[in-house]
Protein backbone atom coordinates (compact mmCIF):
# COMPACT_ATOMS: atom_id res chain seq x y z
CA MET A 1 140.26 84.28 56.93
CA ARG A 2 142.35 85.03 59.83
CA ARG A 3 144.17 88.60 60.35
CA ASP A 4 147.62 87.19 59.85
CA GLU A 5 146.49 85.18 56.62
CA ARG A 6 144.80 88.18 55.41
CA LEU A 7 147.90 90.39 56.19
CA ASN A 8 150.36 87.80 53.95
CA MET A 9 147.64 87.61 51.42
CA HIS A 10 148.28 91.33 51.22
CA ASN A 11 151.86 90.96 51.27
CA GLU A 12 152.43 88.57 49.11
CA LEU A 13 150.16 89.97 46.08
CA ALA A 14 151.90 93.48 47.06
CA ALA A 15 154.87 92.60 45.96
CA ILE A 16 153.92 90.73 42.67
CA VAL A 17 151.43 93.70 41.18
CA GLY A 18 152.51 96.84 44.16
CA LYS A 19 151.18 97.78 46.54
CA GLU A 20 149.16 100.73 45.14
CA TRP A 21 147.46 98.31 43.07
CA VAL A 22 146.53 96.12 46.39
CA ARG A 23 143.00 96.96 48.42
CA PRO A 24 141.04 95.42 51.14
CA GLY A 25 138.08 94.75 50.10
CA SER A 26 136.48 96.33 52.11
CA ALA A 27 137.96 99.65 51.13
CA VAL A 28 136.06 99.35 47.20
CA PRO A 29 132.67 97.76 47.75
CA GLU A 30 131.96 98.13 44.31
CA TYR A 31 133.82 94.60 44.28
CA ALA A 32 131.91 92.70 46.57
CA VAL A 33 129.75 90.17 45.12
CA ASP A 34 126.26 88.98 46.10
CA GLY A 35 127.61 91.01 49.51
CA ILE A 36 130.49 89.60 50.51
CA ALA A 37 133.52 91.84 50.39
CA PRO A 38 136.53 89.93 48.94
CA GLN A 39 139.70 90.31 51.46
CA VAL A 40 141.83 92.06 48.14
CA VAL A 41 141.03 93.63 45.42
CA LEU A 42 143.83 94.04 42.90
CA SER A 43 145.06 95.56 39.43
CA PRO A 44 147.72 93.75 37.46
CA GLY A 45 149.47 95.67 35.35
CA SER A 46 150.74 93.03 32.83
CA VAL A 47 149.64 89.23 31.62
CA GLY A 48 152.49 88.26 33.20
CA GLU A 49 152.18 89.75 36.89
CA LEU A 50 148.47 88.34 36.58
CA ALA A 51 149.38 84.91 35.63
CA GLU A 52 151.77 85.30 38.51
CA VAL A 53 149.52 86.19 40.68
CA LEU A 54 146.94 82.72 39.43
CA ARG A 55 149.92 80.60 40.35
CA ARG A 56 149.99 81.95 44.02
CA ALA A 57 146.35 81.35 44.11
CA HIS A 58 146.46 78.56 42.69
CA GLU A 59 148.84 76.92 45.17
CA ALA A 60 147.13 78.55 48.15
CA ARG A 61 143.86 77.41 46.48
CA TRP A 62 142.34 81.06 46.98
CA ILE A 63 138.88 81.82 45.20
CA VAL A 64 139.67 84.04 42.77
CA VAL A 65 136.81 86.15 40.66
CA PRO A 66 137.80 87.89 37.83
CA ALA A 67 136.41 91.81 36.99
CA GLY A 68 136.45 94.84 34.92
CA PHE A 69 135.09 97.69 36.22
CA GLY A 70 132.65 95.17 38.26
CA THR A 71 129.62 95.97 37.03
CA GLY A 72 128.36 92.78 35.95
CA LEU A 73 129.69 91.10 39.20
CA GLY A 74 125.81 90.32 40.24
CA LEU A 75 125.52 87.92 37.32
CA GLY A 76 125.61 84.43 39.01
CA ASN A 77 124.55 82.29 41.91
CA PRO A 78 126.22 83.78 45.49
CA PRO A 79 129.57 82.70 46.03
CA SER A 80 130.18 80.86 49.11
CA ARG A 81 133.51 82.80 49.69
CA VAL A 82 136.00 85.24 47.78
CA ASP A 83 139.17 86.20 48.38
CA VAL A 84 140.39 87.79 45.80
CA VAL A 85 139.29 89.92 42.97
CA ILE A 86 141.45 90.82 40.07
CA THR A 87 140.41 93.60 37.81
CA THR A 88 141.56 93.67 34.32
CA GLN A 89 141.24 97.88 34.49
CA ARG A 90 145.10 98.24 33.90
CA LEU A 91 145.05 96.14 31.03
CA ASP A 92 143.35 98.27 28.26
CA ARG A 93 146.23 98.99 25.62
CA LEU A 94 145.18 98.86 21.92
CA VAL A 95 148.33 96.04 21.08
CA GLU A 96 147.76 96.25 17.17
CA TYR A 97 145.08 97.20 14.54
CA GLU A 98 145.03 97.24 10.71
CA PRO A 99 141.99 98.97 9.36
CA ALA A 100 143.15 97.69 6.07
CA ASP A 101 142.07 94.15 7.34
CA LEU A 102 139.58 94.97 9.55
CA THR A 103 141.12 93.75 12.46
CA VAL A 104 142.27 94.38 16.09
CA SER A 105 143.71 93.03 18.98
CA VAL A 106 143.09 94.46 22.03
CA GLU A 107 143.42 93.90 26.09
CA ALA A 108 140.87 92.45 28.07
CA GLY A 109 140.51 95.79 30.03
CA CYS A 110 139.68 98.36 27.62
CA SER A 111 136.05 99.52 27.30
CA LEU A 112 133.93 98.88 24.42
CA ALA A 113 133.14 102.75 24.12
CA ARG A 114 137.07 103.28 24.12
CA LEU A 115 137.62 100.69 21.47
CA ASN A 116 134.94 101.76 19.51
CA GLN A 117 135.86 105.79 19.51
CA ILE A 118 139.20 104.88 18.38
CA LEU A 119 138.19 102.48 15.41
CA GLY A 120 135.34 105.51 14.74
CA GLU A 121 138.25 107.22 13.38
CA ARG A 122 138.98 105.20 10.19
CA GLY A 123 135.00 104.75 9.65
CA GLN A 124 134.53 101.11 11.50
CA TRP A 125 133.48 99.90 15.29
CA LEU A 126 132.80 96.22 17.04
CA PRO A 127 128.81 96.29 16.35
CA LEU A 128 127.76 95.23 19.99
CA ASN A 129 126.08 96.89 22.22
CA PRO A 130 125.69 95.64 25.81
CA PRO A 131 124.73 97.92 29.18
CA ARG A 132 126.97 100.90 29.74
CA PRO A 133 129.70 100.45 27.37
CA GLU A 134 131.98 103.05 29.26
CA ARG A 135 131.89 100.58 32.42
CA ALA A 136 131.83 97.66 29.90
CA THR A 137 135.49 96.30 29.89
CA LEU A 138 135.57 93.87 26.53
CA GLY A 139 137.26 90.56 28.29
CA ALA A 140 133.89 90.93 30.19
CA ILE A 141 131.56 90.78 27.65
CA ALA A 142 133.20 88.24 26.08
CA ALA A 143 133.20 86.35 29.48
CA VAL A 144 129.83 86.62 29.66
CA GLU A 145 128.41 86.25 26.16
CA ASP A 146 126.66 90.04 26.93
CA PHE A 147 124.76 91.52 24.44
CA GLY A 148 121.83 93.93 22.73
CA SER A 149 119.11 94.03 20.49
CA LEU A 150 121.63 94.74 17.83
CA ARG A 151 122.16 90.82 17.56
CA LEU A 152 119.69 90.83 15.26
CA GLY A 153 121.63 92.36 12.46
CA PHE A 154 124.97 91.82 13.82
CA GLY A 155 125.37 89.01 15.77
CA LEU A 156 127.50 87.93 18.92
CA THR A 157 130.35 88.19 20.65
CA ARG A 158 131.48 85.51 19.34
CA ASP A 159 130.97 85.75 15.83
CA TYR A 160 134.23 88.91 16.18
CA VAL A 161 136.56 86.96 18.68
CA ILE A 162 139.51 85.18 16.12
CA GLY A 163 141.97 84.74 18.81
CA VAL A 164 141.82 85.43 22.41
CA THR A 165 145.03 85.06 25.15
CA ILE A 166 143.54 83.42 28.49
CA VAL A 167 145.70 82.90 31.98
CA GLN A 168 144.58 79.61 33.32
CA ALA A 169 143.79 78.97 37.21
CA ASP A 170 147.53 77.61 37.80
CA GLY A 171 149.02 80.48 35.40
CA THR A 172 149.47 79.19 32.52
CA ILE A 173 149.94 81.50 29.52
CA ILE A 174 148.00 79.81 26.41
CA LYS A 175 146.11 81.53 23.00
CA SER A 176 143.57 80.54 20.72
CA GLY A 177 143.19 81.82 17.00
CA GLY A 178 145.08 84.14 15.42
CA ARG A 179 144.68 88.02 14.04
CA VAL A 180 143.87 87.22 10.79
CA VAL A 181 140.41 86.15 10.43
CA LYS A 182 140.88 82.79 8.46
CA ASN A 183 143.21 81.11 11.21
CA VAL A 184 143.10 76.86 10.72
CA ALA A 185 146.33 75.94 13.00
CA GLY A 186 145.50 74.26 15.93
CA TYR A 187 141.77 74.05 17.93
CA ASP A 188 139.64 77.14 17.78
CA LEU A 189 139.09 77.35 21.65
CA ASN A 190 137.63 81.20 21.44
CA LYS A 191 134.05 79.78 21.78
CA LEU A 192 134.90 77.82 24.80
CA PHE A 193 136.00 80.61 26.06
CA VAL A 194 133.30 83.29 25.35
CA GLY A 195 130.51 82.53 27.51
CA SER A 196 132.42 80.84 30.40
CA HIS A 197 131.88 82.94 33.07
CA GLY A 198 135.37 83.50 34.20
CA THR A 199 135.52 79.81 36.00
CA LEU A 200 138.05 78.32 32.91
CA GLY A 201 140.70 81.27 32.80
CA ILE A 202 141.00 84.79 32.68
CA ILE A 203 140.80 86.49 29.27
CA THR A 204 143.84 89.10 28.90
CA ARG A 205 143.79 89.84 25.41
CA LEU A 206 141.30 89.49 22.12
CA ASN A 207 141.75 89.81 18.85
CA PHE A 208 138.44 91.07 16.76
CA LYS A 209 137.32 91.47 13.13
CA LEU A 210 135.39 94.74 13.02
CA ARG A 211 132.70 96.37 10.59
CA PRO A 212 132.35 99.40 8.26
CA ARG A 213 130.77 101.38 10.60
CA PRO A 214 126.91 102.40 9.55
CA GLU A 215 126.68 105.24 7.02
CA ALA A 216 122.99 105.85 8.44
CA ASP A 217 120.52 104.38 11.09
CA VAL A 218 117.46 105.06 11.20
CA THR A 219 114.08 104.17 13.38
CA TYR A 220 110.36 103.92 12.97
CA ALA A 221 107.92 103.59 15.42
CA LEU A 222 104.56 101.39 15.16
CA TRP A 223 101.12 101.07 17.17
CA GLY A 224 98.17 101.03 17.37
CA GLY A 225 96.85 97.46 17.75
CA ASP A 226 96.99 95.29 20.70
CA LEU A 227 99.97 92.14 20.94
CA ALA A 228 98.37 90.37 18.44
CA HIS A 229 98.04 93.03 15.82
CA LEU A 230 101.77 94.07 16.35
CA GLU A 231 102.78 90.06 16.82
CA GLU A 232 101.31 89.62 12.93
CA ALA A 233 103.33 92.93 11.78
CA ALA A 234 106.28 91.33 13.52
CA GLY A 235 106.25 87.91 11.38
CA GLU A 236 105.47 89.66 8.62
CA LEU A 237 108.53 91.94 8.77
CA ALA A 238 110.66 88.83 9.68
CA ARG A 239 109.56 86.87 6.72
CA SER A 240 110.32 90.11 4.37
CA GLU A 241 113.77 90.92 2.04
CA LEU A 242 114.35 93.79 5.05
CA ALA A 243 116.73 93.50 7.20
CA PRO A 244 116.59 95.42 10.26
CA ALA A 245 119.48 95.76 12.73
CA ALA A 246 117.13 95.51 15.73
CA LEU A 247 113.01 94.76 15.88
CA ASP A 248 111.85 95.47 19.46
CA LEU A 249 108.78 95.27 21.60
CA LEU A 250 107.97 97.43 24.18
CA LEU A 251 105.02 97.29 26.37
CA ALA A 252 103.59 100.61 28.30
CA GLU A 253 106.05 100.47 31.63
CA ALA A 254 108.89 99.95 29.56
CA VAL A 255 107.70 103.05 27.03
CA ARG A 256 107.81 104.80 29.76
CA ARG A 257 111.13 104.14 31.26
CA CYS A 258 112.32 104.20 27.66
CA TRP A 259 111.47 107.15 25.92
CA ALA A 260 109.93 109.59 27.93
CA SER A 261 108.54 111.29 24.18
CA SER A 262 107.06 108.91 23.26
CA PRO A 263 103.47 109.53 21.18
CA VAL A 264 101.24 106.81 22.71
CA ASP A 265 101.87 104.55 26.15
CA GLY A 266 102.43 101.42 24.19
CA PRO A 267 102.61 98.67 22.75
CA VAL A 268 105.17 99.93 20.49
CA LEU A 269 107.26 98.19 17.72
CA LEU A 270 110.26 99.47 16.72
CA VAL A 271 112.13 98.50 13.43
CA ARG A 272 115.59 99.82 13.42
CA PHE A 273 117.48 99.91 9.87
CA MET A 274 121.90 100.39 10.11
CA ASP A 275 123.48 100.73 6.75
CA SER A 276 124.73 102.56 3.93
CA ASP A 277 122.62 105.40 3.32
CA PRO A 278 121.35 103.85 0.05
CA VAL A 279 120.85 100.57 1.80
CA VAL A 280 118.88 101.89 4.34
CA GLN A 281 116.98 104.64 2.24
CA TYR A 282 115.82 101.74 -0.02
CA GLN A 283 114.47 99.49 3.37
CA VAL A 284 112.84 102.25 4.46
CA GLY A 285 111.32 102.72 1.57
CA GLN A 286 109.61 99.40 1.23
CA LEU A 287 108.56 99.67 5.12
CA GLN A 288 106.47 102.89 4.07
CA ARG A 289 104.95 100.91 1.39
CA TRP A 290 104.21 97.90 4.01
CA ILE A 291 103.16 100.10 6.52
CA ALA A 292 100.95 101.76 5.10
CA GLY A 293 98.40 98.36 4.22
CA ILE A 294 98.75 96.28 7.90
CA GLY A 295 96.24 99.14 9.76
CA LEU A 296 98.82 100.41 12.06
CA ASP A 297 99.88 104.13 12.98
CA ALA A 298 104.05 104.49 12.01
CA SER A 299 106.11 107.29 12.24
CA PRO A 300 110.27 108.03 12.29
CA VAL A 301 111.51 108.36 15.64
CA ASP A 302 113.93 111.55 15.34
CA ALA A 303 117.66 110.88 15.20
CA GLU A 304 117.95 112.70 18.20
CA ALA A 305 115.60 111.51 20.18
CA ALA A 306 116.86 107.35 18.73
CA VAL A 307 120.33 107.68 20.12
CA THR A 308 118.31 108.55 23.79
CA LEU A 309 115.68 105.97 23.03
CA TRP A 310 118.36 103.34 21.51
CA ARG A 311 120.90 104.30 24.94
CA ALA A 312 118.12 103.64 27.41
CA ILE A 313 116.98 99.90 25.74
CA ASP A 314 120.63 99.10 26.03
CA ASP A 315 120.69 99.69 29.51
CA PHE A 316 117.44 98.33 30.53
CA PRO A 317 118.56 95.56 31.57
CA VAL A 318 121.30 97.17 34.38
CA ASP A 319 118.64 100.66 35.24
CA GLY A 320 115.84 99.97 37.63
CA GLY A 321 113.95 97.22 39.52
CA ASP A 322 114.83 94.72 42.55
CA VAL A 323 114.88 91.75 39.46
CA THR A 324 115.96 91.44 35.90
CA LEU A 325 114.74 88.37 34.07
CA ARG A 326 116.43 87.21 30.55
CA MET A 327 114.53 85.03 28.99
CA SER A 328 115.45 83.11 25.67
CA VAL A 329 112.71 81.29 23.39
CA PRO A 330 112.85 80.66 19.54
CA ARG A 331 111.82 83.68 17.75
CA SER A 332 108.42 82.31 16.73
CA GLU A 333 107.43 82.08 20.90
CA ALA A 334 108.84 85.54 21.47
CA PHE A 335 104.90 86.99 21.91
CA PRO A 336 102.91 84.66 23.32
CA MET A 337 106.18 84.38 26.19
CA VAL A 338 105.40 87.91 26.29
CA ASP A 339 101.72 87.48 27.08
CA ILE A 340 102.75 84.63 29.32
CA VAL A 341 104.85 87.36 31.65
CA GLN A 342 101.83 89.68 31.85
CA ARG A 343 99.54 86.82 33.09
CA THR A 344 102.29 85.26 35.75
CA LEU A 345 103.67 88.47 37.49
CA SER A 346 100.83 90.90 37.68
CA ALA A 347 100.64 89.42 41.40
CA ALA A 348 103.40 88.87 41.74
CA ALA A 349 105.78 91.75 40.78
CA ASP A 350 105.12 95.65 40.91
CA ASP A 351 106.39 97.78 38.02
CA VAL A 352 106.66 95.03 35.95
CA ALA A 353 108.33 96.18 32.35
CA VAL A 354 108.58 94.38 29.39
CA LEU A 355 111.55 94.50 26.67
CA ALA A 356 111.79 92.07 24.12
CA TYR A 357 114.12 91.60 21.18
CA VAL A 358 111.57 90.17 19.35
CA GLY A 359 113.72 89.39 15.73
CA ASN A 360 115.41 86.55 18.18
CA GLY A 361 113.25 85.92 20.90
CA THR A 362 115.04 87.51 23.85
CA ILE A 363 112.45 88.69 26.45
CA TRP A 364 113.82 91.66 29.26
CA VAL A 365 111.39 91.90 32.45
CA SER A 366 112.47 94.38 34.90
CA ALA A 367 110.15 94.35 38.31
CA GLY A 368 110.27 95.35 41.64
CA TYR A 369 108.64 93.16 44.96
CA GLU A 370 108.26 93.73 48.69
CA ASP A 371 111.11 92.46 50.26
CA THR A 372 109.19 90.14 52.99
CA GLU A 373 109.06 86.67 53.25
CA ALA A 374 105.68 85.92 52.18
CA ALA A 375 105.97 88.64 48.62
CA ARG A 376 109.42 86.78 47.91
CA SER A 377 107.83 83.26 47.83
CA ARG A 378 104.79 84.77 45.43
CA LEU A 379 107.60 85.67 43.27
CA VAL A 380 109.87 82.81 43.66
CA ALA A 381 106.84 80.69 42.51
CA SER A 382 105.79 82.56 39.70
CA LEU A 383 109.16 82.78 38.30
CA LYS A 384 109.35 79.15 38.36
CA ALA A 385 106.49 78.78 36.38
CA LEU A 386 107.91 81.26 33.75
CA ARG A 387 110.47 79.24 33.60
CA ARG A 388 108.92 75.91 33.05
CA GLU A 389 107.06 77.69 29.92
CA CYS A 390 110.27 79.00 28.26
CA GLU A 391 111.97 75.54 29.08
CA ARG A 392 108.54 74.17 27.26
CA ARG A 393 109.26 75.94 24.49
CA SER A 394 112.84 74.92 24.18
CA GLY A 395 113.69 77.92 26.02
CA HIS A 396 115.26 79.17 29.45
CA LEU A 397 115.07 81.59 32.02
CA ILE A 398 117.76 83.22 33.68
CA LEU A 399 118.16 86.24 36.78
CA TYR A 400 120.11 88.22 35.51
CA ARG A 401 119.71 90.78 38.43
CA ALA A 402 118.47 90.07 41.78
CA PRO A 403 119.20 90.20 45.43
CA ARG A 404 120.87 87.69 47.35
CA ALA A 405 117.89 86.64 49.13
CA LEU A 406 115.63 85.14 45.68
CA LYS A 407 119.07 83.74 44.52
CA ARG A 408 119.28 81.37 47.79
CA GLU A 409 115.32 80.22 46.64
CA LEU A 410 115.88 80.08 43.17
CA ASP A 411 118.74 79.16 40.85
CA VAL A 412 120.24 81.85 38.43
CA TRP A 413 120.48 79.56 35.88
CA GLY A 414 118.52 76.68 35.68
CA ASP A 415 118.99 73.26 34.31
CA VAL A 416 120.92 72.78 31.47
CA GLY A 417 120.56 69.25 30.99
CA ALA A 418 122.82 66.53 29.83
CA THR A 419 125.23 69.05 28.72
CA ALA A 420 125.87 69.72 32.54
CA GLY A 421 128.70 66.69 32.84
CA LEU A 422 130.81 68.09 29.40
CA MET A 423 130.70 71.61 31.47
CA ARG A 424 132.02 69.96 34.56
CA ALA A 425 134.23 67.83 33.30
CA LEU A 426 135.29 71.12 31.44
CA LYS A 427 136.00 72.66 34.70
CA ARG A 428 137.81 69.83 36.34
CA GLN A 429 140.14 70.04 33.09
CA PHE A 430 140.93 73.65 33.14
CA ASP A 431 140.29 74.20 36.77
CA PRO A 432 141.28 71.28 39.15
CA HIS A 433 141.06 73.29 42.36
CA GLY A 434 137.96 75.16 41.56
CA ILE A 435 139.48 78.88 42.47
CA LEU A 436 138.12 80.81 39.42
CA ASN A 437 134.76 81.92 40.14
CA PRO A 438 133.35 78.61 41.84
CA GLY A 439 129.78 77.53 42.03
CA ARG A 440 128.39 81.14 40.54
CA PHE A 441 127.63 79.29 37.01
CA VAL A 442 125.75 76.99 35.27
CA ALA A 443 125.91 73.03 37.22
CA GLY A 444 127.43 74.22 39.57
CA ILE A 445 130.69 74.98 38.20
């Protein structure tokens, strides 16, 4: 973009949101997208301002990337160009909170940590645990459907969204759902926008149903056997009457990174219960009786240490390593896939750390590699092999975090099959000029 065009863009956008809220991309490097600095970064102060910005971008065909605090901008294929990054940080107001109904309406720029601090005063919470909740805006969490190990016990973002307000690519403001848990008016577009990675519209407000905050939170660690023994134990737990909030496997390097005070080097199976005091005590009693007969060592994790441990587990996808992979396979394939990961990456990467939410089949892998063409080629070949293994098991592999050079050689998302046509059709319908985060999500949308 020529200097005069960039200056005109800056002035036009400053007239909409105020000059203090428009900055050159070079001045805020945290909003670069895979090394590409936007022409401008701006922060609208209202939904109306955001809509006006998108109307102008639509007319001018400016490429727009939505963001919260910018911590998740690396997720996706590299863009060919970025003109405007729109942050929702100023759209952070609590719109309406009904504790008696367990519902809340909040603007998309509010962080999860801040919302849960407010809800906690009334003994309630939104039970999501993506990485770095103090830097994770609710809009970004919903846009990428980010999650943590509590998915097993509490579900995904889409399970809690009962209404959304969206600004479409042309600046049109639309609403879906409502502020009550049961709402049958119109079409439910909530699930269309949750997980769309900002390619169909920008989320500006979310209505959530809530949960009572658990009275008790207890973690047990199991160890002492090989992977086969731990797989058997996890399978028995899954088939039992117990209902853990999380059931996670950490191999040795992940134990070192997440749990410095661990009694063993790994592997370790963590079982977490979160509920009312009577329910948790009952489940712990059942677990203790069951442990006595399975031949594994086990002990409760000190409450203070458990807080640190689970925070490290939540942040695992964004802490350490040059590359982070997220694999999803059927629950029954989680342990076999973990074994394949170890064998496949042992010669292609360094410091391979594996963390698996074995209760739902999600596997995280963090690894380093030497930044040379030969090392990158070995790693790409290994990642392609892992992706084939995932797909053979009806799963998928994504590059959750990776350098631009690696993304040039391996698509972040992989092949989505027959759904690609439908997703491209939706993109054409909602963003006909392709200005919203183009080319970064699945099927090139």
